[in-house]
Amino acid sequence: MRSHHPGLMPATPAGQWSLFLGIAFLLCFGAFWLMEAIDLNREPVPSFFSNPLLSIPLFLAGVTATLSAVFGLMAIIAKHERSVLVFLSVATGIAVFLFSMAEILLPH
């Protein structure tokens, strides 16, 4: 029988997917910042998708963070997952989702 005490690593498949997608988010977000740092084309662009080298990694980071939160919530609610890393993935995914929705609904 599985313990309900919080641990570091997830014990359920959904929790493991949440952790995997959280790591994918970090890699995609890191790739975005690396591309941003070496981008020599500093001209203003008309839209988000005008520069695919920057928009694709950032878009994938948002998708993976959101999916990480969904899988994490499924693991927490349905399977009683108590992993610290899953809770961290859920918090990060929700923050990214809310920030993304704010950018879409309230552009500046």
PDB file of N, CA and C in Angstrom:
ATOM      1  N   MET A   1       0.843  -1.179   0.000  1.00  0.00           N
ATOM      2  CA  MET A   1       0.000   0.000   0.000  1.00  0.00           C
ATOM      3  C   MET A   1       0.890   1.246   0.000  1.00  0.00           C
ATOM      4  N   ARG A   2       0.500   2.213  -0.772  1.00  0.00           N
ATOM      5  CA  ARG A   2       1.277   3.433  -0.923  1.00  0.00           C
ATOM      6  C   ARG A   2       1.038   4.363   0.258  1.00  0.00           C
ATOM      7  N   SER A   3       2.102   5.012   0.690  1.00  0.00           N
ATOM      8  CA  SER A   3       2.004   5.962   1.796  1.00  0.00           C
ATOM      9  C   SER A   3       1.415   7.278   1.299  1.00  0.00           C
ATOM     10  N   HIS A   4       0.672   7.957   2.145  1.00  0.00           N
ATOM     11  CA  HIS A   4       0.095   9.253   1.795  1.00  0.00           C
ATOM     12  C   HIS A   4       0.965  10.397   2.283  1.00  0.00           C
ATOM     13  N   HIS A   5       2.173  10.088   2.725  1.00  0.00           N
ATOM     14  CA  HIS A   5       3.088  11.140   3.135  1.00  0.00           C
ATOM     15  C   HIS A   5       3.740  11.743   1.904  1.00  0.00           C
ATOM     16  N   PRO A   6       3.937  13.055   1.916  1.00  0.00           N
ATOM     17  CA  PRO A   6       4.550  13.669   0.744  1.00  0.00           C
ATOM     18  C   PRO A   6       5.988  13.203   0.543  1.00  0.00           C
ATOM     19  N   GLY A   7       6.327  12.904  -0.694  1.00  0.00           N
ATOM     20  CA  GLY A   7       7.680  12.534  -1.068  1.00  0.00           C
ATOM     21  C   GLY A   7       8.142  13.453  -2.189  1.00  0.00           C
ATOM     22  N   LEU A   8       9.313  13.207  -2.691  1.00  0.00           N
ATOM     23  CA  LEU A   8       9.835  14.048  -3.752  1.00  0.00           C
ATOM     24  C   LEU A   8       9.376  13.571  -5.127  1.00  0.00           C
ATOM     25  N   MET A   9       9.499  12.286  -5.387  1.00  0.00           N
ATOM     26  CA  MET A   9       9.161  11.736  -6.706  1.00  0.00           C
ATOM     27  C   MET A   9       7.718  11.234  -6.737  1.00  0.00           C
ATOM     28  N   PRO A  10       7.045  11.405  -7.885  1.00  0.00           N
ATOM     29  CA  PRO A  10       5.660  10.941  -8.001  1.00  0.00           C
ATOM     30  C   PRO A  10       5.570   9.417  -8.037  1.00  0.00           C
ATOM     31  N   ALA A  11       4.471   8.902  -7.494  1.00  0.00           N
ATOM     32  CA  ALA A  11       4.255   7.455  -7.418  1.00  0.00           C
ATOM     33  C   ALA A  11       3.227   6.968  -8.426  1.00  0.00           C
ATOM     34  N   THR A  12       2.483   7.872  -9.063  1.00  0.00           N
ATOM     35  CA  THR A  12       1.440   7.472 -10.005  1.00  0.00           C
ATOM     36  C   THR A  12       1.862   7.820 -11.433  1.00  0.00           C
ATOM     37  N   PRO A  13       1.318   7.115 -12.431  1.00  0.00           N
ATOM     38  CA  PRO A  13       1.655   7.448 -13.819  1.00  0.00           C
ATOM     39  C   PRO A  13       1.288   8.884 -14.198  1.00  0.00           C
ATOM     40  N   ALA A  14       0.144   9.361 -13.751  1.00  0.00           N
ATOM     41  CA  ALA A  14      -0.242  10.740 -14.066  1.00  0.00           C
ATOM     42  C   ALA A  14       0.715  11.734 -13.412  1.00  0.00           C
ATOM     43  N   GLY A  15       1.158  11.431 -12.214  1.00  0.00           N
ATOM     44  CA  GLY A  15       2.139  12.275 -11.550  1.00  0.00           C
ATOM     45  C   GLY A  15       3.468  12.270 -12.274  1.00  0.00           C
ATOM     46  N   GLN A  16       3.865  11.119 -12.800  1.00  0.00           N
ATOM     47  CA  GLN A  16       5.104  11.028 -13.565  1.00  0.00           C
ATOM     48  C   GLN A  16       5.002  11.824 -14.865  1.00  0.00           C
ATOM     49  N   TRP A  17       3.845  11.778 -15.516  1.00  0.00           N
ATOM     50  CA  TRP A  17       3.641  12.592 -16.717  1.00  0.00           C
ATOM     51  C   TRP A  17       3.687  14.074 -16.376  1.00  0.00           C
ATOM     52  N   SER A  18       3.124  14.435 -15.258  1.00  0.00           N
ATOM     53  CA  SER A  18       3.164  15.828 -14.828  1.00  0.00           C
ATOM     54  C   SER A  18       4.605  16.291 -14.634  1.00  0.00           C
ATOM     55  N   LEU A  19       5.402  15.470 -14.002  1.00  0.00           N
ATOM     56  CA  LEU A  19       6.810  15.805 -13.796  1.00  0.00           C
ATOM     57  C   LEU A  19       7.553  15.879 -15.124  1.00  0.00           C
ATOM     58  N   PHE A  20       7.317  14.916 -16.016  1.00  0.00           N
ATOM     59  CA  PHE A  20       7.951  14.911 -17.338  1.00  0.00           C
ATOM     60  C   PHE A  20       7.595  16.175 -18.122  1.00  0.00           C
ATOM     61  N   LEU A  21       6.324  16.554 -18.100  1.00  0.00           N
ATOM     62  CA  LEU A  21       5.900  17.759 -18.817  1.00  0.00           C
ATOM     63  C   LEU A  21       6.439  19.021 -18.153  1.00  0.00           C
ATOM     64  N   GLY A  22       6.593  19.003 -16.836  1.00  0.00           N
ATOM     65  CA  GLY A  22       7.220  20.131 -16.142  1.00  0.00           C
ATOM     66  C   GLY A  22       8.673  20.310 -16.561  1.00  0.00           C
ATOM     67  N   ILE A  23       9.386  19.202 -16.718  1.00  0.00           N
ATOM     68  CA  ILE A  23      10.775  19.267 -17.195  1.00  0.00           C
ATOM     69  C   ILE A  23      10.806  19.743 -18.641  1.00  0.00           C
ATOM     70  N   ALA A  24       9.858  19.276 -19.466  1.00  0.00           N
ATOM     71  CA  ALA A  24       9.776  19.735 -20.858  1.00  0.00           C
ATOM     72  C   ALA A  24       9.512  21.243 -20.913  1.00  0.00           C
ATOM     73  N   PHE A  25       8.677  21.743 -19.992  1.00  0.00           N
ATOM     74  CA  PHE A  25       8.442  23.189 -19.911  1.00  0.00           C
ATOM     75  C   PHE A  25       9.747  23.932 -19.642  1.00  0.00           C
ATOM     76  N   LEU A  26      10.523  23.455 -18.677  1.00  0.00           N
ATOM     77  CA  LEU A  26      11.785  24.120 -18.362  1.00  0.00           C
ATOM     78  C   LEU A  26      12.734  24.111 -19.555  1.00  0.00           C
ATOM     79  N   LEU A  27      12.790  22.999 -20.280  1.00  0.00           N
ATOM     80  CA  LEU A  27      13.659  22.921 -21.456  1.00  0.00           C
ATOM     81  C   LEU A  27      13.198  23.867 -22.567  1.00  0.00           C
ATOM     82  N   CYS A  28      11.891  23.910 -22.821  1.00  0.00           N
ATOM     83  CA  CYS A  28      11.363  24.807 -23.865  1.00  0.00           C
ATOM     84  C   CYS A  28      11.550  26.269 -23.478  1.00  0.00           C
ATOM     85  N   PHE A  29      11.317  26.591 -22.218  1.00  0.00           N
ATOM     86  CA  PHE A  29      11.478  27.965 -21.764  1.00  0.00           C
ATOM     87  C   PHE A  29      12.951  28.373 -21.811  1.00  0.00           C
ATOM     88  N   GLY A  30      13.832  27.446 -21.443  1.00  0.00           N
ATOM     89  CA  GLY A  30      15.265  27.700 -21.546  1.00  0.00           C
ATOM     90  C   GLY A  30      15.700  27.890 -22.989  1.00  0.00           C
ATOM     91  N   ALA A  31      15.129  27.088 -23.908  1.00  0.00           N
ATOM     92  CA  ALA A  31      15.440  27.238 -25.331  1.00  0.00           C
ATOM     93  C   ALA A  31      14.981  28.600 -25.840  1.00  0.00           C
ATOM     94  N   PHE A  32      13.825  29.060 -25.370  1.00  0.00           N
ATOM     95  CA  PHE A  32      13.348  30.388 -25.766  1.00  0.00           C
ATOM     96  C   PHE A  32      14.329  31.465 -25.327  1.00  0.00           C
ATOM     97  N   TRP A  33      14.766  31.416 -24.073  1.00  0.00           N
ATOM     98  CA  TRP A  33      15.676  32.448 -23.581  1.00  0.00           C
ATOM     99  C   TRP A  33      17.038  32.358 -24.247  1.00  0.00           C
ATOM    100  N   LEU A  34      17.478  31.153 -24.601  1.00  0.00           N
ATOM    101  CA  LEU A  34      18.727  31.007 -25.341  1.00  0.00           C
ATOM    102  C   LEU A  34      18.598  31.624 -26.729  1.00  0.00           C
ATOM    103  N   MET A  35      17.486  31.355 -27.414  1.00  0.00           N
ATOM    104  CA  MET A  35      17.248  31.951 -28.738  1.00  0.00           C
ATOM    105  C   MET A  35      17.131  33.469 -28.636  1.00  0.00           C
ATOM    106  N   GLU A  36      16.508  33.941 -27.574  1.00  0.00           N
ATOM    107  CA  GLU A  36      16.370  35.386 -27.366  1.00  0.00           C
ATOM    108  C   GLU A  36      17.735  36.033 -27.159  1.00  0.00           C
ATOM    109  N   ALA A  37      18.615  35.352 -26.444  1.00  0.00           N
ATOM    110  CA  ALA A  37      19.935  35.904 -26.149  1.00  0.00           C
ATOM    111  C   ALA A  37      20.810  35.977 -27.395  1.00  0.00           C
ATOM    112  N   ILE A  38      20.663  35.029 -28.315  1.00  0.00           N
ATOM    113  CA  ILE A  38      21.514  35.029 -29.503  1.00  0.00           C
ATOM    114  C   ILE A  38      20.825  35.593 -30.741  1.00  0.00           C
ATOM    115  N   ASP A  39      19.589  36.044 -30.600  1.00  0.00           N
ATOM    116  CA  ASP A  39      18.850  36.608 -31.735  1.00  0.00           C
ATOM    117  C   ASP A  39      19.489  37.924 -32.151  1.00  0.00           C
ATOM    118  N   LEU A  40      20.004  37.960 -33.377  1.00  0.00           N
ATOM    119  CA  LEU A  40      20.653  39.168 -33.884  1.00  0.00           C
ATOM    120  C   LEU A  40      19.672  40.087 -34.588  1.00  0.00           C
ATOM    121  N   ASN A  41      18.506  39.569 -34.923  1.00  0.00           N
ATOM    122  CA  ASN A  41      17.498  40.367 -35.614  1.00  0.00           C
ATOM    123  C   ASN A  41      16.651  41.087 -34.566  1.00  0.00           C
ATOM    124  N   ARG A  42      17.023  42.293 -34.218  1.00  0.00           N
ATOM    125  CA  ARG A  42      16.346  43.038 -33.149  1.00  0.00           C
ATOM    126  C   ARG A  42      15.269  43.982 -33.676  1.00  0.00           C
ATOM    127  N   GLU A  43      14.845  43.779 -34.899  1.00  0.00           N
ATOM    128  CA  GLU A  43      13.801  44.635 -35.454  1.00  0.00           C
ATOM    129  C   GLU A  43      12.454  44.276 -34.838  1.00  0.00           C
ATOM    130  N   PRO A  44      11.581  45.261 -34.669  1.00  0.00           N
ATOM    131  CA  PRO A  44      10.240  44.964 -34.145  1.00  0.00           C
ATOM    132  C   PRO A  44       9.479  44.049 -35.110  1.00  0.00           C
ATOM    133  N   VAL A  45       8.714  43.129 -34.546  1.00  0.00           N
ATOM    134  CA  VAL A  45       7.937  42.201 -35.366  1.00  0.00           C
ATOM    135  C   VAL A  45       6.458  42.504 -35.174  1.00  0.00           C
ATOM    136  N   PRO A  46       5.666  42.319 -36.243  1.00  0.00           N
ATOM    137  CA  PRO A  46       4.243  42.681 -36.146  1.00  0.00           C
ATOM    138  C   PRO A  46       3.404  41.769 -35.266  1.00  0.00           C
ATOM    139  N   SER A  47       3.792  40.509 -35.115  1.00  0.00           N
ATOM    140  CA  SER A  47       2.982  39.612 -34.289  1.00  0.00           C
ATOM    141  C   SER A  47       3.878  38.588 -33.591  1.00  0.00           C
ATOM    142  N   PHE A  48       3.271  37.848 -32.684  1.00  0.00           N
ATOM    143  CA  PHE A  48       3.984  36.856 -31.898  1.00  0.00           C
ATOM    144  C   PHE A  48       4.614  35.781 -32.786  1.00  0.00           C
ATOM    145  N   PHE A  49       3.904  35.351 -33.812  1.00  0.00           N
ATOM    146  CA  PHE A  49       4.365  34.257 -34.658  1.00  0.00           C
ATOM    147  C   PHE A  49       5.223  34.723 -35.828  1.00  0.00           C
ATOM    148  N   SER A  50       5.613  35.981 -35.878  1.00  0.00           N
ATOM    149  CA  SER A  50       6.448  36.479 -36.968  1.00  0.00           C
ATOM    150  C   SER A  50       7.874  35.938 -36.898  1.00  0.00           C
ATOM    151  N   ASN A  51       8.347  35.631 -35.719  1.00  0.00           N
ATOM    152  CA  ASN A  51       9.681  35.061 -35.558  1.00  0.00           C
ATOM    153  C   ASN A  51       9.535  33.657 -34.982  1.00  0.00           C
ATOM    154  N   PRO A  52       9.498  32.624 -35.850  1.00  0.00           N
ATOM    155  CA  PRO A  52       9.238  31.268 -35.364  1.00  0.00           C
ATOM    156  C   PRO A  52      10.325  30.722 -34.440  1.00  0.00           C
ATOM    157  N   LEU A  53      11.565  31.208 -34.563  1.00  0.00           N
ATOM    158  CA  LEU A  53      12.623  30.730 -33.667  1.00  0.00           C
ATOM    159  C   LEU A  53      12.349  31.113 -32.216  1.00  0.00           C
ATOM    160  N   LEU A  54      11.606  32.180 -32.018  1.00  0.00           N
ATOM    161  CA  LEU A  54      11.242  32.580 -30.659  1.00  0.00           C
ATOM    162  C   LEU A  54       9.845  32.105 -30.275  1.00  0.00           C
ATOM    163  N   SER A  55       8.922  32.129 -31.212  1.00  0.00           N
ATOM    164  CA  SER A  55       7.532  31.827 -30.860  1.00  0.00           C
ATOM    165  C   SER A  55       7.281  30.336 -30.632  1.00  0.00           C
ATOM    166  N   ILE A  56       7.929  29.462 -31.375  1.00  0.00           N
ATOM    167  CA  ILE A  56       7.663  28.027 -31.224  1.00  0.00           C
ATOM    168  C   ILE A  56       8.095  27.508 -29.851  1.00  0.00           C
ATOM    169  N   PRO A  57       9.339  27.788 -29.391  1.00  0.00           N
ATOM    170  CA  PRO A  57       9.691  27.296 -28.048  1.00  0.00           C
ATOM    171  C   PRO A  57       8.812  27.888 -26.939  1.00  0.00           C
ATOM    172  N   LEU A  58       8.442  29.163 -27.067  1.00  0.00           N
ATOM    173  CA  LEU A  58       7.603  29.772 -26.028  1.00  0.00           C
ATOM    174  C   LEU A  58       6.190  29.198 -26.045  1.00  0.00           C
ATOM    175  N   PHE A  59       5.652  28.975 -27.240  1.00  0.00           N
ATOM    176  CA  PHE A  59       4.330  28.365 -27.357  1.00  0.00           C
ATOM    177  C   PHE A  59       4.340  26.947 -26.771  1.00  0.00           C
ATOM    178  N   LEU A  60       5.372  26.156 -27.108  1.00  0.00           N
ATOM    179  CA  LEU A  60       5.485  24.800 -26.565  1.00  0.00           C
ATOM    180  C   LEU A  60       5.666  24.817 -25.051  1.00  0.00           C
ATOM    181  N   ALA A  61       6.376  25.811 -24.540  1.00  0.00           N
ATOM    182  CA  ALA A  61       6.531  25.930 -23.089  1.00  0.00           C
ATOM    183  C   ALA A  61       5.179  26.156 -22.424  1.00  0.00           C
ATOM    184  N   GLY A  62       4.354  27.010 -23.000  1.00  0.00           N
ATOM    185  CA  GLY A  62       3.022  27.252 -22.440  1.00  0.00           C
ATOM    186  C   GLY A  62       2.142  26.022 -22.481  1.00  0.00           C
ATOM    187  N   VAL A  63       2.201  25.289 -23.591  1.00  0.00           N
ATOM    188  CA  VAL A  63       1.391  24.074 -23.726  1.00  0.00           C
ATOM    189  C   VAL A  63       1.843  23.009 -22.734  1.00  0.00           C
ATOM    190  N   THR A  64       3.156  22.793 -22.632  1.00  0.00           N
ATOM    191  CA  THR A  64       3.640  21.753 -21.718  1.00  0.00           C
ATOM    192  C   THR A  64       3.379  22.114 -20.260  1.00  0.00           C
ATOM    193  N   ALA A  65       3.481  23.386 -19.903  1.00  0.00           N
ATOM    194  CA  ALA A  65       3.200  23.792 -18.519  1.00  0.00           C
ATOM    195  C   ALA A  65       1.727  23.581 -18.191  1.00  0.00           C
ATOM    196  N   THR A  66       0.856  23.930 -19.113  1.00  0.00           N
ATOM    197  CA  THR A  66      -0.580  23.758 -18.885  1.00  0.00           C
ATOM    198  C   THR A  66      -0.942  22.277 -18.778  1.00  0.00           C
ATOM    199  N   LEU A  67      -0.393  21.462 -19.682  1.00  0.00           N
ATOM    200  CA  LEU A  67      -0.655  20.018 -19.615  1.00  0.00           C
ATOM    201  C   LEU A  67      -0.072  19.405 -18.341  1.00  0.00           C
ATOM    202  N   SER A  68       1.049  19.925 -17.899  1.00  0.00           N
ATOM    203  CA  SER A  68       1.638  19.456 -16.641  1.00  0.00           C
ATOM    204  C   SER A  68       0.689  19.704 -15.477  1.00  0.00           C
ATOM    205  N   ALA A  69       0.048  20.856 -15.472  1.00  0.00           N
ATOM    206  CA  ALA A  69      -0.915  21.165 -14.418  1.00  0.00           C
ATOM    207  C   ALA A  69      -2.135  20.247 -14.509  1.00  0.00           C
ATOM    208  N   VAL A  70      -2.602  19.979 -15.722  1.00  0.00           N
ATOM    209  CA  VAL A  70      -3.768  19.111 -15.899  1.00  0.00           C
ATOM    210  C   VAL A  70      -3.466  17.697 -15.396  1.00  0.00           C
ATOM    211  N   PHE A  71      -2.336  17.135 -15.829  1.00  0.00           N
ATOM    212  CA  PHE A  71      -1.969  15.789 -15.384  1.00  0.00           C
ATOM    213  C   PHE A  71      -1.703  15.761 -13.882  1.00  0.00           C
ATOM    214  N   GLY A  72      -1.097  16.809 -13.363  1.00  0.00           N
ATOM    215  CA  GLY A  72      -0.841  16.878 -11.935  1.00  0.00           C
ATOM    216  C   GLY A  72      -2.126  16.927 -11.128  1.00  0.00           C
ATOM    217  N   LEU A  73      -3.080  17.720 -11.582  1.00  0.00           N
ATOM    218  CA  LEU A  73      -4.370  17.788 -10.885  1.00  0.00           C
ATOM    219  C   LEU A  73      -5.103  16.457 -10.949  1.00  0.00           C
ATOM    220  N   MET A  74      -5.011  15.774 -12.097  1.00  0.00           N
ATOM    221  CA  MET A  74      -5.619  14.446 -12.199  1.00  0.00           C
ATOM    222  C   MET A  74      -4.976  13.491 -11.201  1.00  0.00           C
ATOM    223  N   ALA A  75      -3.657  13.562 -11.075  1.00  0.00           N
ATOM    224  CA  ALA A  75      -2.953  12.674 -10.142  1.00  0.00           C
ATOM    225  C   ALA A  75      -3.310  13.005  -8.701  1.00  0.00           C
ATOM    226  N   ILE A  76      -3.405  14.288  -8.381  1.00  0.00           N
ATOM    227  CA  ILE A  76      -3.696  14.700  -7.010  1.00  0.00           C
ATOM    228  C   ILE A  76      -5.126  14.349  -6.623  1.00  0.00           C
ATOM    229  N   ILE A  77      -6.069  14.643  -7.497  1.00  0.00           N
ATOM    230  CA  ILE A  77      -7.482  14.441  -7.169  1.00  0.00           C
ATOM    231  C   ILE A  77      -7.886  12.973  -7.275  1.00  0.00           C
ATOM    232  N   ALA A  78      -7.560  12.335  -8.402  1.00  0.00           N
ATOM    233  CA  ALA A  78      -8.043  10.974  -8.631  1.00  0.00           C
ATOM    234  C   ALA A  78      -7.193   9.903  -7.952  1.00  0.00           C
ATOM    235  N   LYS A  79      -5.888  10.113  -7.923  1.00  0.00           N
ATOM    236  CA  LYS A  79      -4.986   9.071  -7.419  1.00  0.00           C
ATOM    237  C   LYS A  79      -4.321   9.421  -6.091  1.00  0.00           C
ATOM    238  N   HIS A  80      -4.679  10.564  -5.525  1.00  0.00           N
ATOM    239  CA  HIS A  80      -4.160  10.996  -4.219  1.00  0.00           C
ATOM    240  C   HIS A  80      -2.628  11.116  -4.203  1.00  0.00           C
ATOM    241  N   GLU A  81      -2.091  11.652  -5.291  1.00  0.00           N
ATOM    242  CA  GLU A  81      -0.650  11.883  -5.389  1.00  0.00           C
ATOM    243  C   GLU A  81      -0.244  12.964  -4.396  1.00  0.00           C
ATOM    244  N   ARG A  82       0.881  12.777  -3.727  1.00  0.00           N
ATOM    245  CA  ARG A  82       1.343  13.743  -2.730  1.00  0.00           C
ATOM    246  C   ARG A  82       2.797  14.154  -2.962  1.00  0.00           C
ATOM    247  N   SER A  83       3.288  14.000  -4.181  1.00  0.00           N
ATOM    248  CA  SER A  83       4.667  14.346  -4.489  1.00  0.00           C
ATOM    249  C   SER A  83       4.853  15.859  -4.503  1.00  0.00           C
ATOM    250  N   VAL A  84       5.937  16.306  -3.902  1.00  0.00           N
ATOM    251  CA  VAL A  84       6.253  17.735  -3.874  1.00  0.00           C
ATOM    252  C   VAL A  84       6.468  18.258  -5.294  1.00  0.00           C
ATOM    253  N   LEU A  85       7.121  17.466  -6.138  1.00  0.00           N
ATOM    254  CA  LEU A  85       7.385  17.907  -7.507  1.00  0.00           C
ATOM    255  C   LEU A  85       6.102  18.031  -8.337  1.00  0.00           C
ATOM    256  N   VAL A  86       5.117  17.193  -8.049  1.00  0.00           N
ATOM    257  CA  VAL A  86       3.832  17.307  -8.755  1.00  0.00           C
ATOM    258  C   VAL A  86       3.110  18.579  -8.316  1.00  0.00           C
ATOM    259  N   PHE A  87       3.122  18.882  -7.033  1.00  0.00           N
ATOM    260  CA  PHE A  87       2.511  20.127  -6.567  1.00  0.00           C
ATOM    261  C   PHE A  87       3.216  21.340  -7.173  1.00  0.00           C
ATOM    262  N   LEU A  88       4.528  21.271  -7.305  1.00  0.00           N
ATOM    263  CA  LEU A  88       5.289  22.353  -7.929  1.00  0.00           C
ATOM    264  C   LEU A  88       4.947  22.482  -9.407  1.00  0.00           C
ATOM    265  N   SER A  89       4.785  21.359 -10.090  1.00  0.00           N
ATOM    266  CA  SER A  89       4.392  21.379 -11.505  1.00  0.00           C
ATOM    267  C   SER A  89       3.004  21.975 -11.681  1.00  0.00           C
ATOM    268  N   VAL A  90       2.092  21.621 -10.780  1.00  0.00           N
ATOM    269  CA  VAL A  90       0.730  22.172 -10.855  1.00  0.00           C
ATOM    270  C   VAL A  90       0.749  23.686 -10.634  1.00  0.00           C
ATOM    271  N   ALA A  91       1.485  24.138  -9.633  1.00  0.00           N
ATOM    272  CA  ALA A  91       1.557  25.576  -9.350  1.00  0.00           C
ATOM    273  C   ALA A  91       2.165  26.341 -10.529  1.00  0.00           C
ATOM    274  N   THR A  92       3.220  25.801 -11.111  1.00  0.00           N
ATOM    275  CA  THR A  92       3.851  26.442 -12.265  1.00  0.00           C
ATOM    276  C   THR A  92       2.908  26.455 -13.458  1.00  0.00           C
ATOM    277  N   GLY A  93       2.256  25.342 -13.714  1.00  0.00           N
ATOM    278  CA  GLY A  93       1.334  25.258 -14.845  1.00  0.00           C
ATOM    279  C   GLY A  93       0.160  26.208 -14.723  1.00  0.00           C
ATOM    280  N   ILE A  94      -0.389  26.324 -13.527  1.00  0.00           N
ATOM    281  CA  ILE A  94      -1.507  27.252 -13.317  1.00  0.00           C
ATOM    282  C   ILE A  94      -1.045  28.696 -13.500  1.00  0.00           C
ATOM    283  N   ALA A  95       0.147  29.020 -12.980  1.00  0.00           N
ATOM    284  CA  ALA A  95       0.674  30.383 -13.138  1.00  0.00           C
ATOM    285  C   ALA A  95       0.897  30.710 -14.607  1.00  0.00           C
ATOM    286  N   VAL A  96       1.462  29.776 -15.365  1.00  0.00           N
ATOM    287  CA  VAL A  96       1.693  30.004 -16.801  1.00  0.00           C
ATOM    288  C   VAL A  96       0.362  30.140 -17.529  1.00  0.00           C
ATOM    289  N   PHE A  97      -0.611  29.297 -17.191  1.00  0.00           N
ATOM    290  CA  PHE A  97      -1.926  29.378 -17.834  1.00  0.00           C
ATOM    291  C   PHE A  97      -2.585  30.727 -17.562  1.00  0.00           C
ATOM    292  N   LEU A  98      -2.561  31.172 -16.308  1.00  0.00           N
ATOM    293  CA  LEU A  98      -3.182  32.460 -15.975  1.00  0.00           C
ATOM    294  C   LEU A  98      -2.470  33.621 -16.663  1.00  0.00           C
ATOM    295  N   PHE A  99      -1.147  33.581 -16.699  1.00  0.00           N
ATOM    296  CA  PHE A  99      -0.387  34.624 -17.390  1.00  0.00           C
ATOM    297  C   PHE A  99      -0.714  34.627 -18.881  1.00  0.00           C
ATOM    298  N   SER A 100      -0.794  33.446 -19.493  1.00  0.00           N
ATOM    299  CA  SER A 100      -1.113  33.350 -20.922  1.00  0.00           C
ATOM    300  C   SER A 100      -2.511  33.888 -21.211  1.00  0.00           C
ATOM    301  N   MET A 101      -3.469  33.538 -20.369  1.00  0.00           N
ATOM    302  CA  MET A 101      -4.829  34.032 -20.577  1.00  0.00           C
ATOM    303  C   MET A 101      -4.898  35.548 -20.397  1.00  0.00           C
ATOM    304  N   ALA A 102      -4.148  36.075 -19.449  1.00  0.00           N
ATOM    305  CA  ALA A 102      -4.108  37.528 -19.247  1.00  0.00           C
ATOM    306  C   ALA A 102      -3.511  38.218 -20.465  1.00  0.00           C
ATOM    307  N   GLU A 103      -2.473  37.635 -21.055  1.00  0.00           N
ATOM    308  CA  GLU A 103      -1.860  38.228 -22.247  1.00  0.00           C
ATOM    309  C   GLU A 103      -2.811  38.200 -23.438  1.00  0.00           C
ATOM    310  N   ILE A 104      -3.594  37.128 -23.544  1.00  0.00           N
ATOM    311  CA  ILE A 104      -4.525  37.022 -24.669  1.00  0.00           C
ATOM    312  C   ILE A 104      -5.728  37.933 -24.467  1.00  0.00           C
ATOM    313  N   LEU A 105      -6.306  37.928 -23.271  1.00  0.00           N
ATOM    314  CA  LEU A 105      -7.527  38.689 -23.024  1.00  0.00           C
ATOM    315  C   LEU A 105      -7.290  40.171 -22.755  1.00  0.00           C
ATOM    316  N   LEU A 106      -6.133  40.511 -22.201  1.00  0.00           N
ATOM    317  CA  LEU A 106      -5.824  41.902 -21.846  1.00  0.00           C
ATOM    318  C   LEU A 106      -4.500  42.329 -22.485  1.00  0.00           C
ATOM    319  N   PRO A 107      -4.441  42.403 -23.812  1.00  0.00           N
ATOM    320  CA  PRO A 107      -3.165  42.764 -24.447  1.00  0.00           C
ATOM    321  C   PRO A 107      -2.761  44.189 -24.089  1.00  0.00           C
ATOM    322  N   HIS A 108      -1.475  44.408 -24.088  1.00  0.00           N
ATOM    323  CA  HIS A 108      -0.994  45.750 -23.763  1.00  0.00           C
ATOM    324  C   HIS A 108      -0.239  46.369 -24.909  1.00  0.00           C
TER     325      HIS A 108
END
